[in-house]
Amino acid sequence: MKALVVEDDRVLSSNICESIKHVFDVEQAYDGRAGLQKILHNEYDVVIMDVMMPEMDGTAVVREVRENGNSVPILILTALDQVSDKVKGLKAGADDYLAKPFDLDELQARLEALVRRSKSGYAAGNTLVFLDLELNLSTRTAMIQGRYLSLHGKQFELLEYLISNKNIIVHKERIFQRVWGFYSSTTISVVEVYASQLRKVLKEFGYDKYLKTVRGLGYILTDNSDLYE
């Protein structure tokens, strides 16, 4: 697999490359315009894109990449307190984000999740799969062994996000931002309400055991028996 790191901080860029080199063949760019040219003229499995960069900021790069019809998964790096950067990046077409400073192990896990999502999760039929659970994104329906799950509204989007990040802990804050949005009039407690509702739906099929609450952090949907038993 091939990754591109677009980051003007050369020390951070090198650290990122070092942490993921056993999974990805990594290339680097140190300003937005150089990064854009690499993306448009090469094929990558995933791109790590800093927002604040010389020549061309990361949000503008993401927007132009999408306008050129390139669907490469992009994870943006933002300053910890810059909510506006996250919003702009996601609206421009980024697939995920991490706030600096971040844990390099989490970065690797998120990159691998993005690659899985782009290469297998949304394969033929626009379907996500978790064991025998199939989520059809075109019809917004879910099925287990020929039986439909009764999912409503945000329950479907929550399950979609959990399957897209299966075997990875997803923080409640990230779920809230991706499913309900930064400008939602509700509060983060809605995540717990919907997670409880989703668990009840899954229980009918014996799948509730796969959805685990990670105290103080969030949730994980996992088929790793060491984690759910």
C-alpha atoms as a PDB file:
ATOM      1  CA  MET A   1       0.000   0.000   0.000  1.00  0.00           C
ATOM      2  CA  LYS A   2       1.130   3.529  -0.762  1.00  0.00           C
ATOM      3  CA  ALA A   3       0.677   6.643   1.387  1.00  0.00           C
ATOM      4  CA  LEU A   4       1.484  10.320   0.910  1.00  0.00           C
ATOM      5  CA  VAL A   5       2.336  12.590   3.848  1.00  0.00           C
ATOM      6  CA  VAL A   6       1.788  16.294   3.115  1.00  0.00           C
ATOM      7  CA  GLU A   7       3.263  18.117   6.125  1.00  0.00           C
ATOM      8  CA  ASP A   8       5.594  21.133   6.235  1.00  0.00           C
ATOM      9  CA  ASP A   9       7.022  20.206   9.652  1.00  0.00           C
ATOM     10  CA  ARG A  10       9.805  17.924   8.477  1.00  0.00           C
ATOM     11  CA  VAL A  11      10.388  16.380  11.919  1.00  0.00           C
ATOM     12  CA  LEU A  12       6.723  15.468  12.293  1.00  0.00           C
ATOM     13  CA  SER A  13       6.605  14.242   8.704  1.00  0.00           C
ATOM     14  CA  SER A  14       9.594  11.969   9.334  1.00  0.00           C
ATOM     15  CA  ASN A  15       8.026  10.657  12.556  1.00  0.00           C
ATOM     16  CA  ILE A  16       4.808   9.837  10.728  1.00  0.00           C
ATOM     17  CA  CYS A  17       6.703   8.073   7.957  1.00  0.00           C
ATOM     18  CA  GLU A  18       8.713   6.064  10.449  1.00  0.00           C
ATOM     19  CA  SER A  19       5.584   4.968  12.328  1.00  0.00           C
ATOM     20  CA  ILE A  20       3.726   3.682   9.254  1.00  0.00           C
ATOM     21  CA  LYS A  21       6.553   2.475   7.005  1.00  0.00           C
ATOM     22  CA  HIS A  22       5.980  -1.181   7.953  1.00  0.00           C
ATOM     23  CA  VAL A  23       2.444  -0.891   6.534  1.00  0.00           C
ATOM     24  CA  PHE A  24       2.797   1.686   3.755  1.00  0.00           C
ATOM     25  CA  ASP A  25       5.312   2.729   1.140  1.00  0.00           C
ATOM     26  CA  VAL A  26       5.504   6.412   2.018  1.00  0.00           C
ATOM     27  CA  GLU A  27       6.160   9.536  -0.041  1.00  0.00           C
ATOM     28  CA  GLN A  28       6.416  13.077   1.316  1.00  0.00           C
ATOM     29  CA  ALA A  29       5.544  16.609   0.240  1.00  0.00           C
ATOM     30  CA  TYR A  30       6.345  19.699   2.281  1.00  0.00           C
ATOM     31  CA  ASP A  31       3.842  22.226   0.951  1.00  0.00           C
ATOM     32  CA  GLY A  32       0.262  22.101  -0.281  1.00  0.00           C
ATOM     33  CA  ARG A  33       0.929  22.753  -3.946  1.00  0.00           C
ATOM     34  CA  ALA A  34       3.569  20.023  -4.154  1.00  0.00           C
ATOM     35  CA  GLY A  35       1.186  17.669  -2.373  1.00  0.00           C
ATOM     36  CA  LEU A  36      -1.604  18.465  -4.822  1.00  0.00           C
ATOM     37  CA  GLN A  37       0.616  17.718  -7.811  1.00  0.00           C
ATOM     38  CA  LYS A  38       1.667  14.388  -6.347  1.00  0.00           C
ATOM     39  CA  ILE A  39      -1.930  13.369  -5.667  1.00  0.00           C
ATOM     40  CA  LEU A  40      -3.102  14.320  -9.150  1.00  0.00           C
ATOM     41  CA  HIS A  41      -0.248  12.539 -10.935  1.00  0.00           C
ATOM     42  CA  ASN A  42       0.190   9.424  -8.790  1.00  0.00           C
ATOM     43  CA  GLU A  43      -1.954   6.762  -7.180  1.00  0.00           C
ATOM     44  CA  TYR A  44      -2.090   6.497  -3.383  1.00  0.00           C
ATOM     45  CA  ASP A  45      -4.110   4.324  -1.022  1.00  0.00           C
ATOM     46  CA  VAL A  46      -4.331   7.111   1.556  1.00  0.00           C
ATOM     47  CA  VAL A  47      -3.157  10.705   2.120  1.00  0.00           C
ATOM     48  CA  ILE A  48      -2.234  12.439   5.391  1.00  0.00           C
ATOM     49  CA  MET A  49      -2.783  16.169   4.902  1.00  0.00           C
ATOM     50  CA  ASP A  50      -1.839  18.988   7.270  1.00  0.00           C
ATOM     51  CA  VAL A  51      -4.213  21.961   7.160  1.00  0.00           C
ATOM     52  CA  MET A  52      -1.813  24.838   7.819  1.00  0.00           C
ATOM     53  CA  MET A  53       0.858  24.730   5.104  1.00  0.00           C
ATOM     54  CA  PRO A  54       2.793  27.114   2.816  1.00  0.00           C
ATOM     55  CA  GLU A  55       1.890  27.660  -0.852  1.00  0.00           C
ATOM     56  CA  MET A  56      -1.589  26.159  -0.483  1.00  0.00           C
ATOM     57  CA  ASP A  57      -3.490  25.186   2.661  1.00  0.00           C
ATOM     58  CA  GLY A  58      -4.675  21.631   3.151  1.00  0.00           C
ATOM     59  CA  THR A  59      -8.378  22.426   2.876  1.00  0.00           C
ATOM     60  CA  ALA A  60      -7.872  23.980  -0.547  1.00  0.00           C
ATOM     61  CA  VAL A  61      -5.855  20.951  -1.628  1.00  0.00           C
ATOM     62  CA  VAL A  62      -8.610  18.572  -0.514  1.00  0.00           C
ATOM     63  CA  ARG A  63     -11.244  20.629  -2.335  1.00  0.00           C
ATOM     64  CA  GLU A  64      -9.269  20.649  -5.582  1.00  0.00           C
ATOM     65  CA  VAL A  65      -8.542  16.919  -5.332  1.00  0.00           C
ATOM     66  CA  ARG A  66     -12.267  16.204  -5.047  1.00  0.00           C
ATOM     67  CA  GLU A  67     -13.145  18.637  -7.844  1.00  0.00           C
ATOM     68  CA  ASN A  68     -10.791  16.622 -10.065  1.00  0.00           C
ATOM     69  CA  GLY A  69     -12.797  13.485  -9.304  1.00  0.00           C
ATOM     70  CA  ASN A  70     -10.058  11.874  -7.184  1.00  0.00           C
ATOM     71  CA  SER A  71     -11.563   9.830  -4.328  1.00  0.00           C
ATOM     72  CA  VAL A  72      -8.356   8.877  -2.501  1.00  0.00           C
ATOM     73  CA  PRO A  73      -9.026   8.655   1.270  1.00  0.00           C
ATOM     74  CA  ILE A  74      -7.684  11.787   3.006  1.00  0.00           C
ATOM     75  CA  LEU A  75      -7.043  12.270   6.708  1.00  0.00           C
ATOM     76  CA  ILE A  76      -6.403  15.867   7.730  1.00  0.00           C
ATOM     77  CA  LEU A  77      -4.233  17.024  10.633  1.00  0.00           C
ATOM     78  CA  THR A  78      -5.549  20.042  12.519  1.00  0.00           C
ATOM     79  CA  ALA A  79      -4.547  22.202  15.469  1.00  0.00           C
ATOM     80  CA  LEU A  80      -6.132  21.004  18.706  1.00  0.00           C
ATOM     81  CA  ASP A  81      -8.360  24.045  19.225  1.00  0.00           C
ATOM     82  CA  GLN A  82      -9.262  24.810  15.615  1.00  0.00           C
ATOM     83  CA  VAL A  83     -12.770  23.380  15.274  1.00  0.00           C
ATOM     84  CA  SER A  84     -13.242  25.522  12.174  1.00  0.00           C
ATOM     85  CA  ASP A  85     -10.348  23.726  10.451  1.00  0.00           C
ATOM     86  CA  LYS A  86     -12.010  20.372  11.086  1.00  0.00           C
ATOM     87  CA  VAL A  87     -15.342  21.616   9.744  1.00  0.00           C
ATOM     88  CA  LYS A  88     -13.801  23.142   6.618  1.00  0.00           C
ATOM     89  CA  GLY A  89     -11.684  20.067   5.960  1.00  0.00           C
ATOM     90  CA  LEU A  90     -14.585  17.635   6.243  1.00  0.00           C
ATOM     91  CA  LYS A  91     -16.842  19.850   4.139  1.00  0.00           C
ATOM     92  CA  ALA A  92     -14.113  20.092   1.494  1.00  0.00           C
ATOM     93  CA  GLY A  93     -14.108  16.303   1.219  1.00  0.00           C
ATOM     94  CA  ALA A  94     -11.696  14.939   3.829  1.00  0.00           C
ATOM     95  CA  ASP A  95     -12.644  11.520   5.203  1.00  0.00           C
ATOM     96  CA  ASP A  96     -11.332  11.851   8.749  1.00  0.00           C
ATOM     97  CA  TYR A  97      -9.181  14.071  10.965  1.00  0.00           C
ATOM     98  CA  LEU A  98      -6.770  13.993  13.878  1.00  0.00           C
ATOM     99  CA  ALA A  99      -6.011  16.928  16.146  1.00  0.00           C
ATOM    100  CA  LYS A 100      -2.397  17.686  17.018  1.00  0.00           C
ATOM    101  CA  PRO A 101      -0.761  16.394  19.122  1.00  0.00           C
ATOM    102  CA  PHE A 102      -1.895  12.881  18.295  1.00  0.00           C
ATOM    103  CA  ASP A 103      -0.879   9.321  19.081  1.00  0.00           C
ATOM    104  CA  LEU A 104       0.993   7.681  16.190  1.00  0.00           C
ATOM    105  CA  ASP A 105      -0.645   4.321  16.880  1.00  0.00           C
ATOM    106  CA  GLU A 106      -4.073   5.939  16.536  1.00  0.00           C
ATOM    107  CA  LEU A 107      -2.951   7.556  13.282  1.00  0.00           C
ATOM    108  CA  GLN A 108      -1.949   4.173  11.869  1.00  0.00           C
ATOM    109  CA  ALA A 109      -5.225   2.584  12.973  1.00  0.00           C
ATOM    110  CA  ARG A 110      -7.258   5.345  11.329  1.00  0.00           C
ATOM    111  CA  LEU A 111      -5.278   5.115   8.105  1.00  0.00           C
ATOM    112  CA  GLU A 112      -5.830   1.371   7.924  1.00  0.00           C
ATOM    113  CA  ALA A 113      -9.560   1.899   8.597  1.00  0.00           C
ATOM    114  CA  LEU A 114      -9.780   4.421   5.761  1.00  0.00           C
ATOM    115  CA  VAL A 115      -8.061   2.020   3.380  1.00  0.00           C
ATOM    116  CA  ARG A 116     -10.370  -0.852   4.386  1.00  0.00           C
ATOM    117  CA  ARG A 117     -13.374   1.389   3.944  1.00  0.00           C
ATOM    118  CA  SER A 118     -12.341   2.532   0.480  1.00  0.00           C
ATOM    119  CA  LYS A 119     -11.166  -0.838  -0.845  1.00  0.00           C
ATOM    120  CA  SER A 120     -13.532  -3.341   0.690  1.00  0.00           C
ATOM    121  CA  GLY A 121     -16.231  -1.692   2.737  1.00  0.00           C
ATOM    122  CA  TYR A 122     -17.696   0.152  -0.218  1.00  0.00           C
ATOM    123  CA  ALA A 123     -17.066  -2.556  -2.773  1.00  0.00           C
ATOM    124  CA  ALA A 124     -19.650  -3.976  -5.158  1.00  0.00           C
ATOM    125  CA  GLY A 125     -23.177  -3.006  -4.300  1.00  0.00           C
ATOM    126  CA  ASN A 126     -22.058  -0.118  -2.089  1.00  0.00           C
ATOM    127  CA  THR A 127     -22.239  -2.442   0.903  1.00  0.00           C
ATOM    128  CA  LEU A 128     -20.488  -2.560   4.256  1.00  0.00           C
ATOM    129  CA  VAL A 129     -20.016  -5.970   5.858  1.00  0.00           C
ATOM    130  CA  PHE A 130     -19.437  -7.100   9.438  1.00  0.00           C
ATOM    131  CA  LEU A 131     -19.596 -10.883   9.827  1.00  0.00           C
ATOM    132  CA  ASP A 132     -23.106 -11.746   8.515  1.00  0.00           C
ATOM    133  CA  LEU A 133     -24.324  -8.166   8.893  1.00  0.00           C
ATOM    134  CA  GLU A 134     -24.655  -6.353   5.566  1.00  0.00           C
ATOM    135  CA  LEU A 135     -25.301  -2.622   5.360  1.00  0.00           C
ATOM    136  CA  ASN A 136     -26.509  -1.381   1.965  1.00  0.00           C
ATOM    137  CA  LEU A 137     -25.619   2.302   1.706  1.00  0.00           C
ATOM    138  CA  SER A 138     -27.682   2.863  -1.422  1.00  0.00           C
ATOM    139  CA  THR A 139     -30.952   1.661   0.094  1.00  0.00           C
ATOM    140  CA  ARG A 140     -30.001   2.441   3.718  1.00  0.00           C
ATOM    141  CA  THR A 141     -30.999  -1.048   4.811  1.00  0.00           C
ATOM    142  CA  ALA A 142     -29.293  -3.596   7.049  1.00  0.00           C
ATOM    143  CA  MET A 143     -29.670  -7.359   6.924  1.00  0.00           C
ATOM    144  CA  ILE A 144     -28.393 -10.383   8.856  1.00  0.00           C
ATOM    145  CA  GLN A 145     -28.844 -13.790   7.204  1.00  0.00           C
ATOM    146  CA  GLY A 146     -31.764 -12.573   5.126  1.00  0.00           C
ATOM    147  CA  ARG A 147     -33.558 -10.750   7.947  1.00  0.00           C
ATOM    148  CA  TYR A 148     -33.820  -6.965   7.992  1.00  0.00           C
ATOM    149  CA  LEU A 149     -32.826  -4.896  11.007  1.00  0.00           C
ATOM    150  CA  SER A 150     -35.279  -2.221  12.087  1.00  0.00           C
ATOM    151  CA  LEU A 151     -33.011   0.828  11.962  1.00  0.00           C
ATOM    152  CA  HIS A 152     -34.255   4.401  11.964  1.00  0.00           C
ATOM    153  CA  GLY A 153     -32.496   7.672  11.071  1.00  0.00           C
ATOM    154  CA  LYS A 154     -29.254   8.155  12.936  1.00  0.00           C
ATOM    155  CA  GLN A 155     -29.235   4.527  14.095  1.00  0.00           C
ATOM    156  CA  PHE A 156     -28.244   3.537  10.562  1.00  0.00           C
ATOM    157  CA  GLU A 157     -25.541   6.224  10.361  1.00  0.00           C
ATOM    158  CA  LEU A 158     -24.149   5.217  13.750  1.00  0.00           C
ATOM    159  CA  LEU A 159     -23.931   1.572  12.690  1.00  0.00           C
ATOM    160  CA  GLU A 160     -22.350   2.609   9.382  1.00  0.00           C
ATOM    161  CA  TYR A 161     -19.641   4.564  11.209  1.00  0.00           C
ATOM    162  CA  LEU A 162     -18.966   1.734  13.664  1.00  0.00           C
ATOM    163  CA  ILE A 163     -18.643  -0.865  10.889  1.00  0.00           C
ATOM    164  CA  SER A 164     -16.379   1.462   8.898  1.00  0.00           C
ATOM    165  CA  ASN A 165     -14.112   1.570  11.959  1.00  0.00           C
ATOM    166  CA  LYS A 166     -14.573  -1.998  13.180  1.00  0.00           C
ATOM    167  CA  ASN A 167     -12.029  -3.220  15.731  1.00  0.00           C
ATOM    168  CA  ILE A 168     -11.076   0.402  16.495  1.00  0.00           C
ATOM    169  CA  ILE A 169     -12.223   2.393  19.529  1.00  0.00           C
ATOM    170  CA  VAL A 170     -14.211   5.387  18.314  1.00  0.00           C
ATOM    171  CA  HIS A 171     -14.499   8.240  20.792  1.00  0.00           C
ATOM    172  CA  LYS A 172     -17.938   9.610  21.621  1.00  0.00           C
ATOM    173  CA  GLU A 173     -16.842  13.078  20.507  1.00  0.00           C
ATOM    174  CA  ARG A 174     -15.831  11.779  17.087  1.00  0.00           C
ATOM    175  CA  ILE A 175     -19.092   9.860  16.694  1.00  0.00           C
ATOM    176  CA  PHE A 176     -21.084  12.947  17.640  1.00  0.00           C
ATOM    177  CA  GLN A 177     -19.205  15.127  15.153  1.00  0.00           C
ATOM    178  CA  ARG A 178     -19.456  12.655  12.263  1.00  0.00           C
ATOM    179  CA  VAL A 179     -23.056  11.493  12.782  1.00  0.00           C
ATOM    180  CA  TRP A 180     -24.768  14.575  14.215  1.00  0.00           C
ATOM    181  CA  GLY A 181     -22.403  17.334  13.105  1.00  0.00           C
ATOM    182  CA  PHE A 182     -20.613  20.207  14.792  1.00  0.00           C
ATOM    183  CA  TYR A 183     -23.641  22.481  14.679  1.00  0.00           C
ATOM    184  CA  SER A 184     -26.214  20.044  16.028  1.00  0.00           C
ATOM    185  CA  SER A 185     -28.610  21.535  18.565  1.00  0.00           C
ATOM    186  CA  THR A 186     -28.490  18.361  20.648  1.00  0.00           C
ATOM    187  CA  THR A 187     -25.778  17.320  23.136  1.00  0.00           C
ATOM    188  CA  ILE A 188     -23.154  14.598  23.102  1.00  0.00           C
ATOM    189  CA  SER A 189     -25.298  12.473  25.439  1.00  0.00           C
ATOM    190  CA  VAL A 190     -27.374  11.566  22.381  1.00  0.00           C
ATOM    191  CA  VAL A 191     -24.565   9.183  21.378  1.00  0.00           C
ATOM    192  CA  GLU A 192     -25.207   7.027  24.458  1.00  0.00           C
ATOM    193  CA  VAL A 193     -28.950   7.021  23.768  1.00  0.00           C
ATOM    194  CA  TYR A 194     -28.512   5.851  20.194  1.00  0.00           C
ATOM    195  CA  ALA A 195     -25.823   3.322  21.114  1.00  0.00           C
ATOM    196  CA  SER A 196     -28.276   1.807  23.591  1.00  0.00           C
ATOM    197  CA  GLN A 197     -31.013   1.720  20.947  1.00  0.00           C
ATOM    198  CA  LEU A 198     -28.669   0.126  18.433  1.00  0.00           C
ATOM    199  CA  ARG A 199     -27.593  -2.515  20.940  1.00  0.00           C
ATOM    200  CA  LYS A 200     -31.248  -3.487  21.464  1.00  0.00           C
ATOM    201  CA  VAL A 201     -31.736  -3.884  17.705  1.00  0.00           C
ATOM    202  CA  LEU A 202     -28.594  -6.019  17.443  1.00  0.00           C
ATOM    203  CA  LYS A 203     -29.602  -8.148  20.434  1.00  0.00           C
ATOM    204  CA  GLU A 204     -32.442  -9.693  18.445  1.00  0.00           C
ATOM    205  CA  PHE A 205     -29.780 -11.259  16.208  1.00  0.00           C
ATOM    206  CA  GLY A 206     -27.238 -12.015  18.941  1.00  0.00           C
ATOM    207  CA  TYR A 207     -24.957  -9.246  17.678  1.00  0.00           C
ATOM    208  CA  ASP A 208     -25.169  -6.979  20.731  1.00  0.00           C
ATOM    209  CA  LYS A 209     -22.119  -8.726  22.204  1.00  0.00           C
ATOM    210  CA  TYR A 210     -19.963  -7.238  19.445  1.00  0.00           C
ATOM    211  CA  LEU A 211     -20.783  -3.646  20.399  1.00  0.00           C
ATOM    212  CA  LYS A 212     -18.712  -2.813  23.453  1.00  0.00           C
ATOM    213  CA  THR A 213     -18.665   0.336  25.578  1.00  0.00           C
ATOM    214  CA  VAL A 214     -15.142   1.508  26.396  1.00  0.00           C
ATOM    215  CA  ARG A 215     -15.547   3.381  29.654  1.00  0.00           C
ATOM    216  CA  GLY A 216     -14.448   6.999  29.475  1.00  0.00           C
ATOM    217  CA  LEU A 217     -13.739   6.818  25.738  1.00  0.00           C
ATOM    218  CA  GLY A 218     -16.493   5.578  23.479  1.00  0.00           C
ATOM    219  CA  TYR A 219     -17.419   2.389  21.634  1.00  0.00           C
ATOM    220  CA  ILE A 220     -15.910  -0.417  19.603  1.00  0.00           C
ATOM    221  CA  LEU A 221     -17.600  -2.851  17.225  1.00  0.00           C
ATOM    222  CA  THR A 222     -15.335  -5.871  17.194  1.00  0.00           C
ATOM    223  CA  ASP A 223     -15.266  -9.504  16.087  1.00  0.00           C
ATOM    224  CA  ASN A 224     -12.163 -10.107  18.212  1.00  0.00           C
ATOM    225  CA  SER A 225     -13.289 -12.700  20.748  1.00  0.00           C
ATOM    226  CA  ASP A 226     -10.595 -11.609  23.203  1.00  0.00           C
ATOM    227  CA  LEU A 227     -12.294  -8.234  23.412  1.00  0.00           C
ATOM    228  CA  TYR A 228     -15.984  -9.121  23.495  1.00  0.00           C
ATOM    229  CA  GLU A 229     -15.972 -12.203  25.707  1.00  0.00           C
END
